[in-house]
Amino acid sequence: GWSAHGILLERARAGERGIDARALDQEARQLLAADPAVAAAFSRAELESGAQAEPWLAQARKSWHPELSADLQVIPKPGWMFSSYPTGTTHGSPHAYDTHVPVLFYGPKWVRPGRVDARVEVTDIAPTLARLLGVPPPSSSEGRPLPIAP
């Protein structure tokens, strides 16, 4: 199956047929590497490891959850999009045209005018909103508050 730039493998069925999970991952990665739309594919083992060798591995990890996400994360080549629709857009690749998007906060009484030109992360939104609302950030928050509060 396919889910959010990931390939879901039937590991239980593979195990029933005596197929090793790592061999399944390697074969799936080789097939994906041959696709003209694929820049990279990362296996569960790579995503769980501390390795940093591949160019987009860190970005793939940020959108991957070991209990909920697909077994293989797939990165499209620049200009490609994985979709069943003939047109559309996405923010699903690690390429600059997908990751360089504005984050906008509005509230005349609680956000001072200004802008932050430094690179920020999606994880910065929750702590920023918490600071604006005067409440503690969520306990699982990983980002940093942006300098936009009054």
N, C-alpha and C. Protein backbone atom coordinates (compact mmCIF):
# COMPACT_ATOMS: atom_id res chain seq x y z
N GLY A 1 0.82 -1.19 0.00
CA GLY A 1 0.00 0.00 0.00
C GLY A 1 0.86 1.25 0.00
N TRP A 2 0.20 2.37 -0.16
CA TRP A 2 0.86 3.67 -0.24
C TRP A 2 0.23 4.60 0.77
N SER A 3 1.01 5.32 1.54
CA SER A 3 0.49 6.26 2.52
C SER A 3 1.49 7.37 2.77
N ALA A 4 1.10 8.60 2.43
CA ALA A 4 1.91 9.79 2.75
C ALA A 4 3.38 9.62 2.40
N HIS A 5 3.70 9.42 1.15
CA HIS A 5 5.07 9.23 0.66
C HIS A 5 5.74 8.01 1.25
N GLY A 6 4.95 7.00 1.57
CA GLY A 6 5.53 5.79 2.11
C GLY A 6 4.91 4.55 1.52
N ILE A 7 5.70 3.49 1.47
CA ILE A 7 5.25 2.19 0.98
C ILE A 7 5.02 1.30 2.20
N LEU A 8 3.82 0.74 2.27
CA LEU A 8 3.46 -0.19 3.34
C LEU A 8 3.73 -1.60 2.84
N LEU A 9 4.53 -2.36 3.56
CA LEU A 9 4.86 -3.73 3.18
C LEU A 9 4.06 -4.71 4.03
N GLU A 10 3.67 -5.81 3.45
CA GLU A 10 2.93 -6.85 4.18
C GLU A 10 3.92 -7.77 4.87
N ARG A 11 4.45 -7.30 5.97
CA ARG A 11 5.50 -8.05 6.67
C ARG A 11 5.01 -9.40 7.20
N ALA A 12 3.78 -9.45 7.68
CA ALA A 12 3.26 -10.72 8.20
C ALA A 12 3.18 -11.75 7.08
N ARG A 13 2.66 -11.34 5.94
CA ARG A 13 2.56 -12.27 4.80
C ARG A 13 3.96 -12.68 4.32
N ALA A 14 4.88 -11.74 4.29
CA ALA A 14 6.25 -12.07 3.88
C ALA A 14 6.85 -13.08 4.84
N GLY A 15 6.63 -12.88 6.14
CA GLY A 15 7.14 -13.82 7.14
C GLY A 15 6.55 -15.21 6.97
N GLU A 16 5.26 -15.27 6.67
CA GLU A 16 4.60 -16.57 6.45
C GLU A 16 5.23 -17.31 5.27
N ARG A 17 5.74 -16.56 4.32
CA ARG A 17 6.34 -17.16 3.12
C ARG A 17 7.85 -17.32 3.24
N GLY A 18 8.38 -17.05 4.44
CA GLY A 18 9.81 -17.24 4.68
C GLY A 18 10.69 -16.15 4.10
N ILE A 19 10.12 -14.97 3.84
CA ILE A 19 10.89 -13.86 3.29
C ILE A 19 11.41 -13.01 4.44
N ASP A 20 12.71 -12.82 4.46
CA ASP A 20 13.36 -12.02 5.49
C ASP A 20 12.96 -10.54 5.34
N ALA A 21 12.65 -9.88 6.45
CA ALA A 21 12.20 -8.48 6.42
C ALA A 21 13.25 -7.56 5.80
N ARG A 22 14.52 -7.75 6.14
CA ARG A 22 15.57 -6.90 5.57
C ARG A 22 15.72 -7.13 4.06
N ALA A 23 15.59 -8.39 3.64
CA ALA A 23 15.66 -8.68 2.20
C ALA A 23 14.49 -8.03 1.47
N LEU A 24 13.32 -8.04 2.09
CA LEU A 24 12.15 -7.39 1.51
C LEU A 24 12.39 -5.89 1.36
N ASP A 25 12.92 -5.26 2.41
CA ASP A 25 13.25 -3.83 2.36
C ASP A 25 14.24 -3.53 1.24
N GLN A 26 15.30 -4.35 1.14
CA GLN A 26 16.33 -4.11 0.12
C GLN A 26 15.77 -4.25 -1.29
N GLU A 27 14.95 -5.26 -1.51
CA GLU A 27 14.36 -5.45 -2.83
C GLU A 27 13.42 -4.31 -3.18
N ALA A 28 12.61 -3.89 -2.22
CA ALA A 28 11.69 -2.77 -2.46
C ALA A 28 12.47 -1.49 -2.76
N ARG A 29 13.55 -1.25 -2.03
CA ARG A 29 14.39 -0.06 -2.29
C ARG A 29 15.00 -0.11 -3.67
N GLN A 30 15.46 -1.27 -4.11
CA GLN A 30 16.05 -1.40 -5.45
C GLN A 30 15.00 -1.12 -6.52
N LEU A 31 13.80 -1.63 -6.34
CA LEU A 31 12.73 -1.36 -7.31
C LEU A 31 12.39 0.12 -7.34
N LEU A 32 12.33 0.75 -6.17
CA LEU A 32 12.04 2.18 -6.12
C LEU A 32 13.16 3.00 -6.76
N ALA A 33 14.40 2.62 -6.54
CA ALA A 33 15.54 3.35 -7.10
C ALA A 33 15.51 3.35 -8.63
N ALA A 34 14.89 2.34 -9.21
CA ALA A 34 14.80 2.26 -10.68
C ALA A 34 13.70 3.14 -11.25
N ASP A 35 12.83 3.66 -10.40
CA ASP A 35 11.72 4.49 -10.87
C ASP A 35 12.24 5.88 -11.21
N PRO A 36 11.88 6.44 -12.36
CA PRO A 36 12.40 7.75 -12.74
C PRO A 36 11.94 8.90 -11.85
N ALA A 37 10.92 8.70 -11.04
CA ALA A 37 10.42 9.77 -10.18
C ALA A 37 11.06 9.77 -8.79
N VAL A 38 11.83 8.74 -8.46
CA VAL A 38 12.32 8.56 -7.09
C VAL A 38 13.76 9.04 -6.95
N ALA A 39 13.97 9.95 -6.01
CA ALA A 39 15.31 10.45 -5.68
C ALA A 39 15.97 9.57 -4.63
N ALA A 40 15.17 9.09 -3.65
CA ALA A 40 15.70 8.26 -2.57
C ALA A 40 14.56 7.51 -1.90
N ALA A 41 14.90 6.43 -1.26
CA ALA A 41 13.94 5.67 -0.45
C ALA A 41 14.68 5.19 0.79
N PHE A 42 14.00 5.27 1.93
CA PHE A 42 14.63 4.89 3.20
C PHE A 42 13.83 3.80 3.88
N SER A 43 14.53 2.78 4.32
CA SER A 43 13.90 1.65 5.01
C SER A 43 13.67 1.99 6.48
N ARG A 44 12.85 1.19 7.11
CA ARG A 44 12.59 1.32 8.55
C ARG A 44 13.91 1.28 9.31
N ALA A 45 14.79 0.36 8.96
CA ALA A 45 16.08 0.24 9.66
C ALA A 45 16.89 1.53 9.54
N GLU A 46 16.91 2.14 8.36
CA GLU A 46 17.64 3.40 8.18
C GLU A 46 17.00 4.53 8.98
N LEU A 47 15.67 4.58 8.97
CA LEU A 47 14.97 5.64 9.69
C LEU A 47 15.17 5.52 11.19
N GLU A 48 15.29 4.30 11.68
CA GLU A 48 15.50 4.08 13.12
C GLU A 48 16.95 4.25 13.54
N SER A 49 17.87 4.17 12.58
CA SER A 49 19.29 4.28 12.90
C SER A 49 19.68 5.75 13.14
N GLY A 50 20.89 5.94 13.57
CA GLY A 50 21.40 7.29 13.76
C GLY A 50 22.16 7.81 12.56
N ALA A 51 22.14 7.05 11.46
CA ALA A 51 22.92 7.41 10.27
C ALA A 51 22.46 8.75 9.69
N GLN A 52 23.39 9.48 9.12
CA GLN A 52 23.10 10.77 8.50
C GLN A 52 23.67 10.86 7.09
N ALA A 53 24.09 9.77 6.51
CA ALA A 53 24.81 9.81 5.23
C ALA A 53 23.95 10.28 4.05
N GLU A 54 22.72 9.87 3.99
CA GLU A 54 21.87 10.20 2.85
C GLU A 54 21.38 11.65 2.93
N PRO A 55 21.25 12.34 1.80
CA PRO A 55 20.89 13.76 1.81
C PRO A 55 19.56 14.09 2.49
N TRP A 56 18.52 13.28 2.32
CA TRP A 56 17.20 13.65 2.84
C TRP A 56 16.75 12.79 4.01
N LEU A 57 17.65 12.04 4.60
CA LEU A 57 17.27 11.13 5.68
C LEU A 57 16.74 11.90 6.90
N ALA A 58 17.36 12.99 7.27
CA ALA A 58 16.90 13.77 8.43
C ALA A 58 15.48 14.29 8.22
N GLN A 59 15.17 14.78 7.01
CA GLN A 59 13.82 15.27 6.73
C GLN A 59 12.82 14.13 6.75
N ALA A 60 13.19 12.99 6.22
CA ALA A 60 12.28 11.84 6.22
C ALA A 60 11.97 11.42 7.65
N ARG A 61 12.97 11.46 8.53
CA ARG A 61 12.74 11.09 9.93
C ARG A 61 11.73 12.02 10.61
N LYS A 62 11.75 13.30 10.26
CA LYS A 62 10.86 14.26 10.90
C LYS A 62 9.39 13.99 10.59
N SER A 63 9.12 13.32 9.50
CA SER A 63 7.73 13.05 9.14
C SER A 63 7.37 11.57 9.32
N TRP A 64 8.21 10.83 10.01
CA TRP A 64 8.04 9.38 10.15
C TRP A 64 7.85 9.01 11.62
N HIS A 65 6.89 8.11 11.89
CA HIS A 65 6.66 7.61 13.25
C HIS A 65 6.78 6.09 13.20
N PRO A 66 7.61 5.48 14.07
CA PRO A 66 7.87 4.04 13.97
C PRO A 66 6.62 3.16 14.13
N GLU A 67 5.62 3.61 14.85
CA GLU A 67 4.43 2.79 15.06
C GLU A 67 3.32 3.09 14.06
N LEU A 68 3.38 4.24 13.40
CA LEU A 68 2.26 4.65 12.55
C LEU A 68 2.59 4.80 11.07
N SER A 69 3.85 5.02 10.76
CA SER A 69 4.22 5.35 9.38
C SER A 69 4.54 4.11 8.56
N ALA A 70 4.65 4.35 7.27
CA ALA A 70 4.96 3.28 6.33
C ALA A 70 6.37 2.74 6.54
N ASP A 71 6.60 1.55 5.98
CA ASP A 71 7.88 0.87 6.15
C ASP A 71 9.01 1.52 5.35
N LEU A 72 8.70 2.04 4.19
CA LEU A 72 9.68 2.72 3.35
C LEU A 72 9.21 4.14 3.08
N GLN A 73 10.05 5.12 3.34
CA GLN A 73 9.73 6.50 3.02
C GLN A 73 10.38 6.84 1.68
N VAL A 74 9.61 7.46 0.79
CA VAL A 74 10.06 7.71 -0.58
C VAL A 74 10.16 9.21 -0.83
N ILE A 75 11.29 9.64 -1.37
CA ILE A 75 11.54 11.04 -1.70
C ILE A 75 11.45 11.19 -3.21
N PRO A 76 10.56 12.06 -3.71
CA PRO A 76 10.48 12.25 -5.16
C PRO A 76 11.64 13.11 -5.67
N LYS A 77 11.97 12.94 -6.93
CA LYS A 77 12.96 13.82 -7.55
C LYS A 77 12.36 15.21 -7.68
N PRO A 78 13.20 16.25 -7.78
CA PRO A 78 12.66 17.60 -7.95
C PRO A 78 11.70 17.67 -9.14
N GLY A 79 10.59 18.33 -8.93
CA GLY A 79 9.60 18.49 -9.99
C GLY A 79 8.60 17.36 -10.09
N TRP A 80 8.78 16.31 -9.33
CA TRP A 80 7.85 15.17 -9.34
C TRP A 80 6.96 15.23 -8.10
N MET A 81 5.77 14.68 -8.23
CA MET A 81 4.84 14.62 -7.10
C MET A 81 4.12 13.27 -7.16
N PHE A 82 4.01 12.61 -6.04
CA PHE A 82 3.30 11.34 -5.98
C PHE A 82 1.83 11.63 -5.71
N SER A 83 0.99 11.35 -6.67
CA SER A 83 -0.43 11.63 -6.53
C SER A 83 -1.22 10.82 -7.54
N SER A 84 -2.47 10.58 -7.22
CA SER A 84 -3.35 9.92 -8.19
C SER A 84 -4.14 10.95 -8.99
N TYR A 85 -3.88 12.24 -8.72
CA TYR A 85 -4.57 13.33 -9.43
C TYR A 85 -3.65 13.89 -10.52
N PRO A 86 -4.21 14.33 -11.63
CA PRO A 86 -3.37 14.84 -12.72
C PRO A 86 -2.75 16.21 -12.43
N THR A 87 -3.32 16.96 -11.49
CA THR A 87 -2.77 18.27 -11.11
C THR A 87 -2.83 18.40 -9.60
N GLY A 88 -2.18 19.43 -9.09
CA GLY A 88 -2.23 19.68 -7.66
C GLY A 88 -0.90 20.15 -7.12
N THR A 89 -0.84 20.30 -5.82
CA THR A 89 0.38 20.73 -5.15
C THR A 89 0.56 19.91 -3.89
N THR A 90 1.70 20.06 -3.27
CA THR A 90 1.99 19.35 -2.04
C THR A 90 3.10 20.09 -1.29
N HIS A 91 3.24 19.79 -0.05
CA HIS A 91 4.40 20.22 0.73
C HIS A 91 5.06 18.95 1.25
N GLY A 92 5.08 17.93 0.42
CA GLY A 92 5.53 16.62 0.84
C GLY A 92 6.91 16.20 0.41
N SER A 93 7.70 17.12 -0.09
CA SER A 93 9.07 16.74 -0.46
C SER A 93 10.06 17.59 0.32
N PRO A 94 11.31 17.17 0.38
CA PRO A 94 12.32 17.97 1.08
C PRO A 94 12.95 19.05 0.21
N HIS A 95 12.43 19.25 -0.99
CA HIS A 95 13.00 20.25 -1.89
C HIS A 95 12.56 21.65 -1.48
N ALA A 96 13.40 22.64 -1.77
CA ALA A 96 13.17 24.02 -1.31
C ALA A 96 11.81 24.56 -1.71
N TYR A 97 11.32 24.24 -2.89
CA TYR A 97 10.02 24.77 -3.32
C TYR A 97 8.86 24.22 -2.49
N ASP A 98 9.06 23.10 -1.79
CA ASP A 98 8.03 22.55 -0.91
C ASP A 98 8.23 22.94 0.55
N THR A 99 9.47 23.15 0.95
CA THR A 99 9.74 23.42 2.36
C THR A 99 9.86 24.89 2.66
N HIS A 100 9.99 25.70 1.65
CA HIS A 100 10.15 27.14 1.85
C HIS A 100 8.78 27.81 1.67
N VAL A 101 7.94 27.67 2.67
CA VAL A 101 6.59 28.23 2.60
C VAL A 101 6.38 29.16 3.80
N PRO A 102 5.54 30.15 3.67
CA PRO A 102 5.35 31.09 4.78
C PRO A 102 4.51 30.49 5.91
N VAL A 103 4.82 30.94 7.11
CA VAL A 103 3.99 30.68 8.29
C VAL A 103 3.50 32.06 8.72
N LEU A 104 2.22 32.20 8.84
CA LEU A 104 1.64 33.52 9.09
C LEU A 104 0.84 33.51 10.38
N PHE A 105 1.09 34.48 11.24
CA PHE A 105 0.31 34.68 12.46
C PHE A 105 -0.34 36.05 12.36
N TYR A 106 -1.61 36.14 12.76
CA TYR A 106 -2.30 37.41 12.72
C TYR A 106 -3.07 37.62 14.01
N GLY A 107 -3.00 38.77 14.53
CA GLY A 107 -3.72 39.14 15.73
C GLY A 107 -3.28 40.52 16.15
N PRO A 108 -3.99 41.57 15.77
CA PRO A 108 -3.51 42.93 16.01
C PRO A 108 -3.21 43.23 17.47
N LYS A 109 -3.85 42.56 18.40
CA LYS A 109 -3.60 42.87 19.82
C LYS A 109 -2.54 41.97 20.43
N TRP A 110 -2.17 40.90 19.75
CA TRP A 110 -1.22 40.00 20.38
C TRP A 110 -0.05 39.58 19.51
N VAL A 111 0.05 40.07 18.29
CA VAL A 111 1.22 39.81 17.45
C VAL A 111 1.71 41.14 16.90
N ARG A 112 2.95 41.48 17.23
CA ARG A 112 3.48 42.73 16.71
C ARG A 112 3.87 42.54 15.24
N PRO A 113 3.80 43.59 14.46
CA PRO A 113 4.19 43.49 13.06
C PRO A 113 5.67 43.11 12.94
N GLY A 114 5.99 42.36 11.96
CA GLY A 114 7.38 41.98 11.73
C GLY A 114 7.47 40.69 10.96
N ARG A 115 8.67 40.26 10.75
CA ARG A 115 8.88 39.01 10.06
C ARG A 115 10.14 38.34 10.57
N VAL A 116 10.19 37.05 10.41
CA VAL A 116 11.35 36.25 10.77
C VAL A 116 11.86 35.65 9.47
N ASP A 117 13.02 36.04 9.04
CA ASP A 117 13.55 35.55 7.78
C ASP A 117 14.40 34.30 7.93
N ALA A 118 14.70 33.92 9.15
CA ALA A 118 15.47 32.70 9.38
C ALA A 118 14.59 31.48 9.11
N ARG A 119 15.23 30.37 8.79
CA ARG A 119 14.50 29.13 8.58
C ARG A 119 13.85 28.71 9.89
N VAL A 120 12.57 28.38 9.83
CA VAL A 120 11.86 27.89 11.00
C VAL A 120 11.28 26.52 10.65
N GLU A 121 10.82 25.82 11.65
CA GLU A 121 10.28 24.48 11.47
C GLU A 121 8.81 24.47 11.85
N VAL A 122 8.09 23.50 11.36
CA VAL A 122 6.69 23.31 11.74
C VAL A 122 6.60 23.13 13.25
N THR A 123 7.61 22.50 13.84
CA THR A 123 7.61 22.27 15.28
C THR A 123 7.69 23.56 16.09
N ASP A 124 8.02 24.69 15.44
CA ASP A 124 8.07 25.98 16.13
C ASP A 124 6.69 26.61 16.32
N ILE A 125 5.69 26.10 15.62
CA ILE A 125 4.36 26.71 15.68
C ILE A 125 3.72 26.53 17.06
N ALA A 126 3.72 25.33 17.61
CA ALA A 126 3.07 25.09 18.91
C ALA A 126 3.68 25.92 20.03
N PRO A 127 5.01 25.95 20.21
CA PRO A 127 5.56 26.79 21.29
C PRO A 127 5.32 28.28 21.07
N THR A 128 5.25 28.70 19.80
CA THR A 128 4.97 30.11 19.51
C THR A 128 3.54 30.45 19.91
N LEU A 129 2.58 29.62 19.52
CA LEU A 129 1.19 29.85 19.91
C LEU A 129 1.03 29.81 21.43
N ALA A 130 1.73 28.87 22.08
CA ALA A 130 1.65 28.79 23.54
C ALA A 130 2.14 30.09 24.18
N ARG A 131 3.25 30.63 23.69
CA ARG A 131 3.75 31.87 24.25
C ARG A 131 2.76 33.01 24.01
N LEU A 132 2.18 33.08 22.82
CA LEU A 132 1.20 34.13 22.52
C LEU A 132 -0.02 34.03 23.44
N LEU A 133 -0.41 32.82 23.77
CA LEU A 133 -1.58 32.61 24.63
C LEU A 133 -1.24 32.66 26.12
N GLY A 134 0.04 32.71 26.44
CA GLY A 134 0.46 32.78 27.84
C GLY A 134 0.29 31.48 28.58
N VAL A 135 0.43 30.37 27.87
CA VAL A 135 0.33 29.05 28.50
C VAL A 135 1.62 28.28 28.24
N PRO A 136 1.88 27.25 29.05
CA PRO A 136 3.10 26.46 28.80
C PRO A 136 2.99 25.72 27.46
N PRO A 137 4.10 25.52 26.78
CA PRO A 137 4.05 24.76 25.53
C PRO A 137 3.69 23.30 25.83
N PRO A 138 3.16 22.59 24.86
CA PRO A 138 2.86 21.17 25.08
C PRO A 138 4.10 20.41 25.54
N SER A 139 3.91 19.42 26.39
CA SER A 139 5.06 18.70 26.94
C SER A 139 5.87 17.99 25.86
N SER A 140 5.25 17.62 24.77
CA SER A 140 5.98 16.94 23.70
C SER A 140 6.50 17.90 22.64
N SER A 141 6.37 19.18 22.90
CA SER A 141 6.82 20.20 21.94
C SER A 141 8.32 20.14 21.75
N GLU A 142 8.75 20.18 20.48
CA GLU A 142 10.18 20.10 20.18
C GLU A 142 10.75 21.40 19.65
N GLY A 143 9.91 22.32 19.21
CA GLY A 143 10.38 23.55 18.57
C GLY A 143 10.73 24.63 19.56
N ARG A 144 10.95 25.80 18.99
CA ARG A 144 11.28 26.98 19.81
C ARG A 144 10.29 28.09 19.48
N PRO A 145 9.93 28.92 20.44
CA PRO A 145 9.01 30.03 20.15
C PRO A 145 9.68 31.04 19.21
N LEU A 146 8.93 31.51 18.25
CA LEU A 146 9.46 32.52 17.33
C LEU A 146 9.33 33.90 17.96
N PRO A 147 10.20 34.84 17.63
CA PRO A 147 10.19 36.18 18.25
C PRO A 147 9.11 37.08 17.63
N ILE A 148 7.84 36.74 17.85
CA ILE A 148 6.76 37.53 17.28
C ILE A 148 5.78 38.07 18.32
N ALA A 149 5.93 37.62 19.56
CA ALA A 149 4.99 38.06 20.61
C ALA A 149 5.23 39.52 20.96
N PRO A 150 4.20 40.20 21.45
CA PRO A 150 4.36 41.62 21.83
C PRO A 150 5.35 41.82 22.95
